Amino acid sequence: MVDALKEQIVDLTDKVHHLEVSSAYQEDVIEHLNKTLGKQHQEIQQLQAQIRLLSDILKTLKDDSGSGIKLPSEEAPPPHY
């Protein structure tokens, strides 16, 4: 009886240790994913700002030039269509 209880205590101790290790690993993964998500969010904001800037430049060039610069949606399809 005493040996069975000792064996159960050892087994439960091992399980608790495994859960603690697993929890620590998951916390590390979550922290890494959170940092990655933050970096990606910053990159997306920078890319959106660059797209707005390029769009404004393209509109300015189109409005100022009058030289026939067209947006891709305004271009006629190529002859092979």
N, C-alpha and C. Protein backbone atom coordinates (compact mmCIF):
# COMPACT_ATOMS: atom_id res chain seq x y z
N MET A 1 0.82 -1.19 0.00
CA MET A 1 0.00 0.00 0.00
C MET A 1 0.86 1.26 0.00
N VAL A 2 1.86 1.29 0.87
CA VAL A 2 2.74 2.44 0.95
C VAL A 2 3.54 2.59 -0.34
N ASP A 3 3.99 1.47 -0.88
CA ASP A 3 4.75 1.52 -2.13
C ASP A 3 3.88 2.02 -3.28
N ALA A 4 2.62 1.63 -3.29
CA ALA A 4 1.70 2.09 -4.34
C ALA A 4 1.49 3.60 -4.24
N LEU A 5 1.37 4.12 -3.03
CA LEU A 5 1.20 5.56 -2.84
C LEU A 5 2.46 6.32 -3.26
N LYS A 6 3.62 5.77 -2.92
CA LYS A 6 4.88 6.41 -3.33
C LYS A 6 4.98 6.43 -4.85
N GLU A 7 4.57 5.34 -5.47
CA GLU A 7 4.62 5.26 -6.93
C GLU A 7 3.66 6.29 -7.56
N GLN A 8 2.49 6.45 -6.98
CA GLN A 8 1.53 7.43 -7.48
C GLN A 8 2.07 8.85 -7.29
N ILE A 9 2.72 9.10 -6.16
CA ILE A 9 3.29 10.43 -5.92
C ILE A 9 4.38 10.73 -6.93
N VAL A 10 5.24 9.76 -7.20
CA VAL A 10 6.31 9.94 -8.19
C VAL A 10 5.70 10.17 -9.57
N ASP A 11 4.67 9.39 -9.90
CA ASP A 11 4.01 9.54 -11.19
C ASP A 11 3.37 10.93 -11.32
N LEU A 12 2.69 11.37 -10.29
CA LEU A 12 2.06 12.69 -10.31
C LEU A 12 3.11 13.80 -10.37
N THR A 13 4.21 13.62 -9.66
CA THR A 13 5.29 14.60 -9.70
C THR A 13 5.86 14.72 -11.11
N ASP A 14 6.04 13.58 -11.77
CA ASP A 14 6.53 13.59 -13.16
C ASP A 14 5.54 14.30 -14.08
N LYS A 15 4.26 14.04 -13.88
CA LYS A 15 3.24 14.68 -14.72
C LYS A 15 3.22 16.20 -14.51
N VAL A 16 3.34 16.62 -13.25
CA VAL A 16 3.37 18.05 -12.95
C VAL A 16 4.59 18.69 -13.60
N HIS A 17 5.73 18.03 -13.49
CA HIS A 17 6.96 18.55 -14.11
C HIS A 17 6.78 18.68 -15.63
N HIS A 18 6.19 17.65 -16.24
CA HIS A 18 5.95 17.70 -17.69
C HIS A 18 5.03 18.86 -18.04
N LEU A 19 3.99 19.07 -17.26
CA LEU A 19 3.06 20.19 -17.52
C LEU A 19 3.75 21.54 -17.36
N GLU A 20 4.63 21.65 -16.37
CA GLU A 20 5.37 22.91 -16.17
C GLU A 20 6.29 23.19 -17.35
N VAL A 21 6.98 22.16 -17.83
CA VAL A 21 7.87 22.32 -18.99
C VAL A 21 7.05 22.70 -20.22
N SER A 22 5.94 22.01 -20.41
CA SER A 22 5.08 22.29 -21.56
C SER A 22 4.53 23.72 -21.49
N SER A 23 4.13 24.15 -20.32
CA SER A 23 3.62 25.51 -20.14
C SER A 23 4.69 26.55 -20.44
N ALA A 24 5.90 26.31 -19.96
CA ALA A 24 7.00 27.26 -20.21
C ALA A 24 7.29 27.34 -21.71
N TYR A 25 7.28 26.21 -22.39
CA TYR A 25 7.51 26.19 -23.83
C TYR A 25 6.42 26.98 -24.55
N GLN A 26 5.17 26.77 -24.16
CA GLN A 26 4.07 27.47 -24.81
C GLN A 26 4.15 28.97 -24.56
N GLU A 27 4.55 29.37 -23.37
CA GLU A 27 4.71 30.80 -23.08
C GLU A 27 5.78 31.41 -23.98
N ASP A 28 6.87 30.68 -24.19
CA ASP A 28 7.94 31.16 -25.06
C ASP A 28 7.46 31.30 -26.50
N VAL A 29 6.72 30.31 -26.97
CA VAL A 29 6.18 30.36 -28.33
C VAL A 29 5.21 31.52 -28.48
N ILE A 30 4.35 31.73 -27.52
CA ILE A 30 3.38 32.83 -27.57
C ILE A 30 4.11 34.17 -27.59
N GLU A 31 5.14 34.31 -26.78
CA GLU A 31 5.91 35.56 -26.76
C GLU A 31 6.58 35.81 -28.12
N HIS A 32 7.14 34.76 -28.70
CA HIS A 32 7.78 34.88 -30.01
C HIS A 32 6.75 35.27 -31.08
N LEU A 33 5.60 34.62 -31.06
CA LEU A 33 4.55 34.93 -32.04
C LEU A 33 4.04 36.36 -31.86
N ASN A 34 3.94 36.82 -30.64
CA ASN A 34 3.48 38.18 -30.37
C ASN A 34 4.47 39.20 -30.93
N LYS A 35 5.77 38.95 -30.73
CA LYS A 35 6.78 39.85 -31.27
C LYS A 35 6.74 39.86 -32.80
N THR A 36 6.59 38.68 -33.39
CA THR A 36 6.51 38.58 -34.85
C THR A 36 5.29 39.33 -35.37
N LEU A 37 4.17 39.18 -34.71
CA LEU A 37 2.95 39.86 -35.12
C LEU A 37 3.12 41.37 -35.04
N GLY A 38 3.77 41.86 -33.99
CA GLY A 38 4.02 43.30 -33.86
C GLY A 38 4.90 43.82 -34.98
N LYS A 39 5.95 43.07 -35.33
CA LYS A 39 6.83 43.49 -36.43
C LYS A 39 6.07 43.50 -37.75
N GLN A 40 5.26 42.48 -37.98
CA GLN A 40 4.49 42.43 -39.23
C GLN A 40 3.49 43.58 -39.30
N HIS A 41 2.90 43.93 -38.18
CA HIS A 41 1.96 45.06 -38.16
C HIS A 41 2.67 46.35 -38.55
N GLN A 42 3.87 46.56 -38.01
CA GLN A 42 4.64 47.76 -38.36
C GLN A 42 5.00 47.75 -39.84
N GLU A 43 5.41 46.59 -40.37
CA GLU A 43 5.77 46.50 -41.78
C GLU A 43 4.56 46.79 -42.67
N ILE A 44 3.41 46.29 -42.29
CA ILE A 44 2.19 46.54 -43.06
C ILE A 44 1.86 48.02 -43.07
N GLN A 45 2.00 48.67 -41.92
CA GLN A 45 1.73 50.11 -41.86
C GLN A 45 2.71 50.88 -42.76
N GLN A 46 3.98 50.49 -42.75
CA GLN A 46 4.96 51.15 -43.60
C GLN A 46 4.64 50.93 -45.07
N LEU A 47 4.26 49.72 -45.43
CA LEU A 47 3.92 49.42 -46.82
C LEU A 47 2.68 50.20 -47.26
N GLN A 48 1.70 50.31 -46.37
CA GLN A 48 0.50 51.07 -46.71
C GLN A 48 0.84 52.54 -46.93
N ALA A 49 1.73 53.08 -46.11
CA ALA A 49 2.15 54.47 -46.28
C ALA A 49 2.88 54.65 -47.60
N GLN A 50 3.72 53.69 -47.96
CA GLN A 50 4.44 53.78 -49.24
C GLN A 50 3.47 53.69 -50.41
N ILE A 51 2.48 52.84 -50.31
CA ILE A 51 1.48 52.72 -51.38
C ILE A 51 0.71 54.02 -51.53
N ARG A 52 0.32 54.64 -50.41
CA ARG A 52 -0.38 55.92 -50.49
C ARG A 52 0.50 56.98 -51.14
N LEU A 53 1.77 57.01 -50.76
CA LEU A 53 2.70 57.98 -51.33
C LEU A 53 2.87 57.76 -52.83
N LEU A 54 3.07 56.52 -53.23
CA LEU A 54 3.22 56.22 -54.66
C LEU A 54 1.94 56.53 -55.43
N SER A 55 0.80 56.27 -54.82
CA SER A 55 -0.47 56.58 -55.46
C SER A 55 -0.62 58.09 -55.66
N ASP A 56 -0.25 58.86 -54.63
CA ASP A 56 -0.31 60.32 -54.75
C ASP A 56 0.65 60.82 -55.82
N ILE A 57 1.85 60.25 -55.87
CA ILE A 57 2.83 60.66 -56.89
C ILE A 57 2.30 60.34 -58.27
N LEU A 58 1.72 59.16 -58.44
CA LEU A 58 1.18 58.77 -59.74
C LEU A 58 0.03 59.70 -60.15
N LYS A 59 -0.84 60.04 -59.22
CA LYS A 59 -1.94 60.95 -59.54
C LYS A 59 -1.40 62.33 -59.91
N THR A 60 -0.38 62.79 -59.19
CA THR A 60 0.22 64.09 -59.49
C THR A 60 0.84 64.08 -60.87
N LEU A 61 1.57 63.03 -61.19
CA LEU A 61 2.19 62.93 -62.51
C LEU A 61 1.13 62.90 -63.60
N LYS A 62 0.07 62.18 -63.37
CA LYS A 62 -1.00 62.08 -64.36
C LYS A 62 -1.68 63.43 -64.56
N ASP A 63 -1.96 64.12 -63.45
CA ASP A 63 -2.65 65.40 -63.54
C ASP A 63 -1.76 66.48 -64.14
N ASP A 64 -0.48 66.47 -63.79
CA ASP A 64 0.44 67.52 -64.23
C ASP A 64 0.93 67.33 -65.65
N SER A 65 1.07 66.11 -66.08
CA SER A 65 1.76 65.88 -67.34
C SER A 65 0.87 66.11 -68.55
N GLY A 66 -0.30 65.58 -68.54
CA GLY A 66 -1.12 65.67 -69.73
C GLY A 66 -0.47 64.95 -70.90
N SER A 67 0.56 64.17 -70.61
CA SER A 67 1.32 63.53 -71.68
C SER A 67 0.81 62.14 -72.00
N GLY A 68 -0.35 61.83 -71.51
CA GLY A 68 -0.91 60.53 -71.83
C GLY A 68 -0.55 59.44 -70.85
N ILE A 69 -0.03 59.81 -69.69
CA ILE A 69 0.22 58.78 -68.69
C ILE A 69 -1.13 58.32 -68.17
N LYS A 70 -1.36 57.02 -68.26
CA LYS A 70 -2.65 56.47 -67.85
C LYS A 70 -2.45 55.43 -66.76
N LEU A 71 -3.47 55.30 -65.95
CA LEU A 71 -3.48 54.22 -64.97
C LEU A 71 -3.66 52.90 -65.71
N PRO A 72 -3.18 51.80 -65.17
CA PRO A 72 -3.35 50.52 -65.85
C PRO A 72 -4.80 50.21 -66.19
N SER A 73 -5.73 50.62 -65.34
CA SER A 73 -7.14 50.36 -65.62
C SER A 73 -7.66 51.19 -66.79
N GLU A 74 -6.96 52.27 -67.14
CA GLU A 74 -7.38 53.13 -68.24
C GLU A 74 -6.73 52.75 -69.56
N GLU A 75 -5.72 51.90 -69.50
CA GLU A 75 -5.01 51.50 -70.71
C GLU A 75 -5.88 50.59 -71.57
N ALA A 76 -5.72 50.72 -72.89
CA ALA A 76 -6.40 49.82 -73.81
C ALA A 76 -5.72 48.46 -73.73
N PRO A 77 -6.46 47.39 -73.92
CA PRO A 77 -5.83 46.07 -73.88
C PRO A 77 -4.85 45.90 -75.04
N PRO A 78 -3.85 45.07 -74.87
CA PRO A 78 -2.90 44.84 -75.96
C PRO A 78 -3.59 44.26 -77.18
N PRO A 79 -2.98 44.41 -78.35
CA PRO A 79 -3.64 43.99 -79.60
C PRO A 79 -3.97 42.50 -79.66
N HIS A 80 -3.27 41.67 -78.94
CA HIS A 80 -3.52 40.24 -79.05
C HIS A 80 -4.76 39.79 -78.28
N TYR A 81 -5.46 40.70 -77.63
CA TYR A 81 -6.68 40.31 -76.93
C TYR A 81 -7.81 40.36 -77.86
